[in-house]
Amino acid sequence: MPVVRILLRAKVVTPPRIRLRILWTLCLLFRAFLAPAHAGVFRAQDFAPTSSWNTRIGTTARVAVDLLAKLDVGLDSWGAGGAWSVPCYRAMLTDATHRLLYNPDAWRNVAGGRWRRWGNDTATEIAIRASSRSVFPSGGNPFSSISAGAWRAPSFAAAARGLADAFFRLNADMRPAAGADGHMAVLQPDGRVLETYATIVLRNGDVVALSASVTDPGGMGDGRARGQTASMIPDYAGLLTDAEVISGIEHAIAVTVPASLLAPRIAYPAAAFDRDALTNPEPYAGTLPMGARLALPAKFDLTALRLQTAAGRTIAAAAASYGFIVVDRGGEGVTLRVQPNGERKVVALHAWDGALHADLRAIFAHLEQVPVATAAP
């Protein structure tokens, strides 16, 4: 194949790290090409082999985290029909192209009950379209900042242009999460992922959002991707799937934590934190930087946890090998992110389960922070 021949010829002058990245991207593209015509969803745990998500922790020293043992722990798929989750879809070449529009009120008006994420009546859709435009104002997220005193996007995001006059392949089965944040991620046939925040799907298939970006599922999965989370990490990073809870989790798991645990600081792979970190009625009041990695202590005896469920034991094994990465601010407790759509094989991932709940609390009661480089605002 020509692409393979070019890659082999390039090996003399191409650094090994770049060759690995090229090969990984080619694998993703070939897998997308060979996917079934109606795959519907995409697996959200890719990224480069050297990504933080795919890197084992080893025996790195850990630091104790106060308050974790006292907080409740759950799955985002347990609450209100997955209203705060991240549905992930795969678009096909047979899907029609639809316009992506920017609307500054897409979060506020859904949160206030005036608009819906989908299924709006004709008059409401007219109002939505009238207040929307085809150009997003910047390449940064309106809710992410590197300063606790003023909204300041990272330099790489501030220099980027927002999406403009953009069209993407979408279909009628794609729906965002119903909550105010309205996340949705759609893998495009060319291998890119469209991420939208505060998403509204109009009846003709056009999509309206407060914020949107295009990210690379074969990249590093860090904040430089300009994903739709406060950390700017891609919103589909680290999601749990039913299949891997059965077969084994081989990546770090994404979590959200309450403001009481967070500090306005940044740890890789994050690139930012919440814009209202200190001005929100529930401000940051802890010590964890956004992007913090949490894990069970090195050489921890997993049998000491006395876990009741197979899912709990699988998550505990991942907590020891890969850990959890804080990607966003959450509610009052700690929340693990689960891919809500796709084939459901583990009932406990999609409906509250007392035994798994107890297992998660047992795991988090023993977590420690894995030190990484941090940056002050």
Protein backbone atom coordinates (compact mmCIF):
# COMPACT_ATOMS: atom_id res chain seq x y z
CA MET A 1 0.00 0.00 0.00
CA PRO A 2 1.33 3.48 -0.85
CA VAL A 3 0.79 4.85 2.67
CA VAL A 4 2.73 1.97 4.22
CA ARG A 5 5.57 2.36 1.71
CA ILE A 6 5.82 6.07 2.48
CA LEU A 7 5.87 5.36 6.19
CA LEU A 8 8.61 2.76 5.81
CA ARG A 9 10.71 5.09 3.67
CA ALA A 10 10.27 7.82 6.28
CA LYS A 11 11.63 5.71 9.13
CA VAL A 12 15.19 6.87 8.54
CA VAL A 13 14.35 10.53 9.13
CA THR A 14 11.19 10.33 11.26
CA PRO A 15 11.68 10.15 15.04
CA PRO A 16 10.30 6.94 16.62
CA ARG A 17 7.72 8.90 18.65
CA ILE A 18 6.31 10.48 15.47
CA ARG A 19 6.26 7.12 13.64
CA LEU A 20 4.30 5.60 16.52
CA ARG A 21 1.79 8.46 16.36
CA ILE A 22 1.39 8.02 12.57
CA LEU A 23 0.85 4.27 12.91
CA TRP A 24 -1.70 4.79 15.69
CA THR A 25 -3.64 7.32 13.62
CA LEU A 26 -3.65 4.96 10.62
CA CYS A 27 -5.04 2.18 12.83
CA LEU A 28 -7.88 4.44 13.97
CA LEU A 29 -8.72 5.43 10.40
CA PHE A 30 -8.69 1.81 9.18
CA ARG A 31 -10.89 0.77 12.10
CA ALA A 32 -13.38 3.55 11.31
CA PHE A 33 -13.38 2.46 7.65
CA LEU A 34 -14.07 -1.19 8.55
CA ALA A 35 -16.79 -0.36 11.11
CA PRO A 36 -20.27 -1.76 10.41
CA ALA A 37 -22.51 0.54 8.41
CA HIS A 38 -24.79 1.16 11.38
CA ALA A 39 -22.25 1.08 14.22
CA GLY A 40 -24.05 3.98 15.91
CA VAL A 41 -21.56 4.54 18.73
CA PHE A 42 -17.80 4.71 19.03
CA ARG A 43 -15.50 3.41 21.73
CA ALA A 44 -14.25 6.39 23.66
CA GLN A 45 -10.98 5.13 25.12
CA ASP A 46 -8.51 5.56 22.28
CA PHE A 47 -5.67 8.16 22.22
CA ALA A 48 -1.98 7.63 21.63
CA PRO A 49 -0.23 4.79 23.50
CA THR A 50 1.88 7.41 25.31
CA SER A 51 -1.17 9.38 26.45
CA SER A 52 -1.73 9.81 30.20
CA TRP A 53 -4.91 7.79 29.73
CA ASN A 54 -2.98 4.76 28.50
CA THR A 55 0.08 5.03 30.78
CA ARG A 56 0.39 2.81 33.83
CA ILE A 57 1.29 4.55 37.07
CA GLY A 58 3.93 2.16 38.38
CA THR A 59 5.23 2.55 41.92
CA THR A 60 5.26 6.35 41.98
CA ALA A 61 4.88 7.74 45.51
CA ARG A 62 1.37 8.88 46.42
CA VAL A 63 0.05 11.67 48.64
CA ALA A 64 -2.97 11.22 50.93
CA VAL A 65 -6.14 13.13 49.97
CA ASP A 66 -8.32 14.45 52.80
CA LEU A 67 -12.12 14.16 52.58
CA LEU A 68 -12.25 11.48 49.84
CA ALA A 69 -13.29 8.80 52.33
CA LYS A 70 -16.19 11.00 53.51
CA LEU A 71 -17.69 11.70 50.09
CA ASP A 72 -20.29 9.67 48.25
CA VAL A 73 -19.23 8.00 45.00
CA GLY A 74 -21.39 7.05 42.02
CA LEU A 75 -21.71 6.82 38.25
CA ASP A 76 -23.04 9.59 36.03
CA SER A 77 -25.23 6.98 34.34
CA TRP A 78 -27.13 6.41 37.61
CA GLY A 79 -28.70 9.85 37.78
CA ALA A 80 -31.77 11.16 35.96
CA GLY A 81 -31.46 8.95 32.91
CA GLY A 82 -27.85 9.90 32.22
CA ALA A 83 -28.71 13.61 32.03
CA TRP A 84 -25.12 14.55 32.91
CA SER A 85 -23.33 11.93 30.82
CA VAL A 86 -21.54 12.09 27.44
CA PRO A 87 -23.32 10.17 24.65
CA CYS A 88 -20.84 9.09 21.96
CA TYR A 89 -21.92 8.43 18.38
CA ARG A 90 -20.34 7.35 15.10
CA ALA A 91 -21.40 9.19 11.94
CA MET A 92 -21.27 7.34 8.64
CA LEU A 93 -20.64 8.58 5.11
CA THR A 94 -24.29 7.84 4.41
CA ASP A 95 -25.41 10.36 7.05
CA ALA A 96 -26.43 13.79 5.80
CA THR A 97 -24.38 16.88 6.60
CA HIS A 98 -25.93 19.40 8.97
CA ARG A 99 -25.03 22.91 10.02
CA LEU A 100 -23.44 23.66 13.42
CA LEU A 101 -24.58 26.96 14.96
CA TYR A 102 -23.46 28.99 17.97
CA ASN A 103 -25.97 30.28 20.51
CA PRO A 104 -24.88 32.14 23.69
CA ASP A 105 -28.14 31.15 25.46
CA ALA A 106 -28.01 27.43 24.72
CA TRP A 107 -27.09 26.54 28.30
CA ARG A 108 -29.06 29.21 30.18
CA ASN A 109 -32.37 28.74 28.37
CA VAL A 110 -32.36 24.96 28.75
CA ALA A 111 -31.39 25.21 32.42
CA GLY A 112 -34.24 27.72 32.86
CA GLY A 113 -36.78 25.44 31.17
CA ARG A 114 -37.45 27.70 28.18
CA TRP A 115 -35.78 25.46 25.59
CA ARG A 116 -35.16 21.72 25.31
CA ARG A 117 -32.16 19.76 24.11
CA TRP A 118 -34.42 18.38 21.36
CA GLY A 119 -38.14 18.26 20.56
CA ASN A 120 -38.76 22.01 20.66
CA ASP A 121 -41.97 23.33 19.09
CA THR A 122 -41.96 25.47 15.94
CA ALA A 123 -42.10 28.82 17.75
CA THR A 124 -39.20 27.86 20.02
CA GLU A 125 -37.08 26.68 17.10
CA ILE A 126 -37.69 29.98 15.34
CA ALA A 127 -36.48 31.80 18.45
CA ILE A 128 -33.42 29.54 18.70
CA ARG A 129 -32.46 30.09 15.08
CA ALA A 130 -33.04 33.84 15.31
CA SER A 131 -30.55 34.13 18.17
CA SER A 132 -27.95 31.76 16.67
CA ARG A 133 -25.11 32.47 14.29
CA SER A 134 -22.72 30.43 12.19
CA VAL A 135 -19.47 31.60 13.83
CA PHE A 136 -18.28 30.55 17.28
CA PRO A 137 -16.55 33.46 19.03
CA SER A 138 -13.20 31.81 19.92
CA GLY A 139 -11.19 28.61 19.99
CA GLY A 140 -11.42 28.43 23.78
CA ASN A 141 -14.25 27.29 26.01
CA PRO A 142 -16.38 30.04 27.58
CA PHE A 143 -16.32 28.08 30.85
CA SER A 144 -12.56 27.30 31.07
CA SER A 145 -9.81 29.59 32.34
CA ILE A 146 -6.22 29.58 33.59
CA SER A 147 -6.94 32.48 35.93
CA ALA A 148 -9.15 32.49 39.01
CA GLY A 149 -9.47 36.28 38.88
CA ALA A 150 -10.57 36.79 35.27
CA TRP A 151 -11.53 34.73 32.27
CA ARG A 152 -8.25 33.93 30.51
CA ALA A 153 -7.94 31.09 28.04
CA PRO A 154 -4.65 29.23 27.58
CA SER A 155 -2.53 30.91 24.90
CA PHE A 156 -2.96 28.04 22.42
CA ALA A 157 -6.75 28.32 22.74
CA ALA A 158 -6.85 32.11 22.68
CA ALA A 159 -4.91 32.07 19.42
CA ALA A 160 -7.23 29.54 17.78
CA ARG A 161 -10.21 30.57 15.72
CA GLY A 162 -13.69 29.34 16.60
CA LEU A 163 -15.58 27.07 14.24
CA ALA A 164 -17.25 28.98 11.41
CA ASP A 165 -19.79 27.97 8.77
CA ALA A 166 -19.22 24.38 9.81
CA PHE A 167 -21.09 21.28 8.64
CA PHE A 168 -20.82 17.78 10.09
CA ARG A 169 -22.35 14.38 9.37
CA LEU A 170 -25.16 13.66 11.84
CA ASN A 171 -28.35 11.60 11.95
CA ALA A 172 -31.73 11.64 13.65
CA ASP A 173 -30.73 9.04 16.26
CA MET A 174 -28.06 11.29 17.79
CA ARG A 175 -29.19 13.02 20.96
CA PRO A 176 -27.17 14.94 23.56
CA ALA A 177 -27.46 14.29 27.28
CA ALA A 178 -30.71 15.85 28.49
CA GLY A 179 -29.17 17.90 31.32
CA ALA A 180 -28.17 21.56 31.14
CA ASP A 181 -24.61 20.70 30.05
CA GLY A 182 -25.96 18.74 27.09
CA HIS A 183 -22.75 17.00 26.06
CA MET A 184 -22.50 15.08 22.79
CA ALA A 185 -19.52 13.58 20.92
CA VAL A 186 -19.77 12.42 17.31
CA LEU A 187 -16.96 10.56 15.54
CA GLN A 188 -16.85 11.76 11.94
CA PRO A 189 -15.96 9.50 8.98
CA ASP A 190 -12.59 11.29 8.66
CA GLY A 191 -11.57 10.21 12.18
CA ARG A 192 -12.16 13.53 13.98
CA VAL A 193 -14.62 13.92 16.83
CA LEU A 194 -17.11 16.77 17.03
CA GLU A 195 -17.69 17.72 20.67
CA THR A 196 -20.61 19.99 21.54
CA TYR A 197 -21.59 21.53 24.87
CA ALA A 198 -25.10 22.77 25.74
CA THR A 199 -26.27 21.03 22.59
CA ILE A 200 -29.66 21.53 20.97
CA VAL A 201 -30.76 19.34 18.04
CA LEU A 202 -33.23 21.03 15.72
CA ARG A 203 -35.89 19.11 13.83
CA ASN A 204 -34.10 19.33 10.50
CA GLY A 205 -30.94 17.86 12.08
CA ASP A 206 -28.96 21.08 12.48
CA VAL A 207 -27.14 21.40 15.81
CA VAL A 208 -26.91 24.46 18.05
CA ALA A 209 -24.39 24.73 20.92
CA LEU A 210 -22.84 27.16 23.36
CA SER A 211 -19.40 25.72 22.71
CA ALA A 212 -17.94 23.22 20.24
CA SER A 213 -14.61 21.85 19.11
CA VAL A 214 -13.11 19.18 16.91
CA THR A 215 -10.72 16.81 18.67
CA ASP A 216 -8.42 13.95 17.72
CA PRO A 217 -9.17 10.54 19.29
CA GLY A 218 -5.69 9.43 18.27
CA GLY A 219 -3.94 12.34 20.02
CA MET A 220 -2.70 12.76 23.57
CA GLY A 221 -6.13 13.29 25.08
CA ASP A 222 -4.97 16.32 27.04
CA GLY A 223 -6.21 19.88 27.47
CA ARG A 224 -4.46 21.11 24.35
CA ALA A 225 -7.14 19.26 22.41
CA ARG A 226 -9.58 22.00 23.53
CA GLY A 227 -12.19 19.46 24.57
CA GLN A 228 -15.55 20.44 26.05
CA THR A 229 -14.72 20.06 29.75
CA ALA A 230 -13.46 22.61 32.28
CA SER A 231 -10.03 20.95 32.02
CA MET A 232 -10.27 21.17 28.20
CA ILE A 233 -9.62 17.42 28.09
CA PRO A 234 -11.85 15.73 25.45
CA ASP A 235 -15.23 14.96 27.00
CA TYR A 236 -15.14 11.34 25.81
CA ALA A 237 -11.78 10.60 27.48
CA GLY A 238 -11.74 7.94 30.17
CA LEU A 239 -15.37 6.84 29.88
CA LEU A 240 -16.21 3.37 31.18
CA THR A 241 -17.89 0.96 28.76
CA ASP A 242 -19.82 -2.22 29.48
CA ALA A 243 -17.48 -4.39 27.41
CA GLU A 244 -14.32 -3.38 29.26
CA VAL A 245 -15.93 -3.66 32.70
CA ILE A 246 -16.37 -7.31 31.71
CA SER A 247 -13.02 -7.90 29.99
CA GLY A 248 -10.72 -5.47 31.84
CA ILE A 249 -10.11 -1.71 31.88
CA GLU A 250 -6.81 -0.66 30.33
CA HIS A 251 -6.90 3.10 30.76
CA ALA A 252 -7.37 5.77 33.42
CA ILE A 253 -10.98 6.52 34.33
CA ALA A 254 -12.46 10.02 34.08
CA VAL A 255 -14.05 11.44 37.24
CA THR A 256 -15.66 14.68 38.32
CA VAL A 257 -15.24 15.88 41.90
CA PRO A 258 -16.97 18.54 44.03
CA ALA A 259 -15.61 22.07 44.31
CA SER A 260 -14.78 21.34 47.95
CA LEU A 261 -11.87 19.17 46.75
CA LEU A 262 -10.55 21.44 44.00
CA ALA A 263 -7.98 24.23 43.99
CA PRO A 264 -7.54 26.74 41.13
CA ARG A 265 -4.45 24.97 39.86
CA ILE A 266 -3.71 22.81 36.83
CA ALA A 267 -2.06 19.40 36.59
CA TYR A 268 -1.30 17.65 33.31
CA PRO A 269 -3.22 16.43 31.30
CA ALA A 270 -5.56 19.35 32.13
CA ALA A 271 -4.96 22.79 30.59
CA ALA A 272 -7.52 24.89 32.51
CA PHE A 273 -10.11 24.86 35.29
CA ASP A 274 -13.57 26.34 35.82
CA ARG A 275 -13.88 30.00 34.90
CA ASP A 276 -15.93 30.64 38.06
CA ALA A 277 -13.66 28.61 40.33
CA LEU A 278 -13.72 31.25 43.09
CA THR A 279 -16.82 33.26 42.20
CA ASN A 280 -19.33 30.40 42.06
CA PRO A 281 -21.68 30.19 45.09
CA GLU A 282 -19.87 26.91 45.79
CA PRO A 283 -16.26 27.95 45.10
CA TYR A 284 -13.18 25.77 44.91
CA ALA A 285 -12.09 25.11 48.49
CA GLY A 286 -9.72 22.13 48.35
CA THR A 287 -6.21 21.13 47.34
CA LEU A 288 -6.62 19.01 44.20
CA PRO A 289 -5.58 20.67 40.92
CA MET A 290 -7.78 20.15 37.88
CA GLY A 291 -6.29 17.15 36.07
CA ALA A 292 -5.19 15.49 39.31
CA ARG A 293 -4.58 11.75 39.13
CA LEU A 294 -5.86 9.56 41.95
CA ALA A 295 -4.94 5.92 42.50
CA LEU A 296 -4.80 3.16 45.06
CA PRO A 297 -1.50 3.00 46.97
CA ALA A 298 1.41 1.22 45.29
CA LYS A 299 1.36 -2.56 45.92
CA PHE A 300 -2.05 -2.28 47.56
CA ASP A 301 -3.71 -5.62 48.35
CA LEU A 302 -7.00 -5.47 46.45
CA THR A 303 -8.43 -8.39 48.40
CA ALA A 304 -8.37 -6.19 51.51
CA LEU A 305 -11.21 -4.16 50.01
CA ARG A 306 -13.57 -7.17 50.22
CA LEU A 307 -15.41 -6.07 47.09
CA GLN A 308 -18.80 -7.62 46.36
CA THR A 309 -19.13 -7.21 42.57
CA ALA A 310 -17.18 -8.21 39.48
CA ALA A 311 -17.55 -4.63 38.19
CA GLY A 312 -16.10 -3.29 41.43
CA ARG A 313 -13.11 -5.62 41.21
CA THR A 314 -12.45 -4.59 37.60
CA ILE A 315 -12.60 -0.89 38.51
CA ALA A 316 -10.31 -1.49 41.52
CA ALA A 317 -7.73 -3.17 39.28
CA ALA A 318 -7.79 -0.14 36.96
CA ALA A 319 -7.54 2.17 40.00
CA ALA A 320 -4.30 0.43 40.97
CA SER A 321 -2.77 0.33 37.47
CA TYR A 322 -4.04 3.52 35.78
CA GLY A 323 -5.99 5.50 38.38
CA PHE A 324 -8.61 8.20 37.92
CA ILE A 325 -8.12 11.62 36.28
CA VAL A 326 -10.16 14.64 37.38
CA VAL A 327 -11.63 16.20 34.22
CA ASP A 328 -14.31 18.54 35.57
CA ARG A 329 -16.14 19.91 38.57
CA GLY A 330 -19.11 17.84 39.61
CA GLY A 331 -21.82 17.85 42.26
CA GLU A 332 -21.60 17.00 45.94
CA GLY A 333 -19.88 13.64 45.46
CA VAL A 334 -17.34 11.96 43.19
CA THR A 335 -18.70 10.70 39.87
CA LEU A 336 -17.18 8.18 37.48
CA ARG A 337 -18.06 8.76 33.83
CA VAL A 338 -19.79 5.98 31.91
CA GLN A 339 -20.54 5.84 28.19
CA PRO A 340 -24.37 5.87 28.33
CA ASN A 341 -25.18 4.59 24.85
CA GLY A 342 -24.08 1.39 23.19
CA GLU A 343 -24.68 -2.27 23.99
CA ARG A 344 -25.66 -2.65 27.64
CA LYS A 345 -24.22 -5.79 29.18
CA VAL A 346 -23.68 -4.71 32.79
CA VAL A 347 -26.96 -3.69 34.41
CA ALA A 348 -25.20 -2.10 37.40
CA LEU A 349 -23.56 0.49 35.12
CA HIS A 350 -26.92 1.94 34.06
CA ALA A 351 -29.16 1.61 37.13
CA TRP A 352 -28.24 2.24 40.75
CA ASP A 353 -26.76 -0.86 42.36
CA GLY A 354 -26.22 -1.01 46.11
CA ALA A 355 -23.40 -3.53 45.99
CA LEU A 356 -21.43 -1.63 43.33
CA HIS A 357 -22.06 1.60 45.22
CA ALA A 358 -20.51 0.06 48.34
CA ASP A 359 -17.55 -1.18 46.28
CA LEU A 360 -16.90 2.28 44.83
CA ARG A 361 -16.96 3.85 48.28
CA ALA A 362 -14.50 1.24 49.52
CA ILE A 363 -12.13 1.96 46.61
CA PHE A 364 -12.25 5.74 46.98
CA ALA A 365 -11.72 5.56 50.74
CA HIS A 366 -8.18 4.35 50.01
CA LEU A 367 -7.22 6.56 47.04
CA GLU A 368 -4.16 8.79 47.08
CA GLN A 369 -2.97 11.51 44.72
CA VAL A 370 -0.22 10.70 42.24
CA PRO A 371 2.02 13.81 42.08
CA VAL A 372 2.44 15.36 38.63
CA ALA A 373 3.64 18.75 37.43
CA THR A 374 1.22 21.53 38.39
CA ALA A 375 0.89 25.17 37.39
CA ALA A 376 -0.56 28.06 39.36
CA PRO A 377 -2.83 30.54 37.54
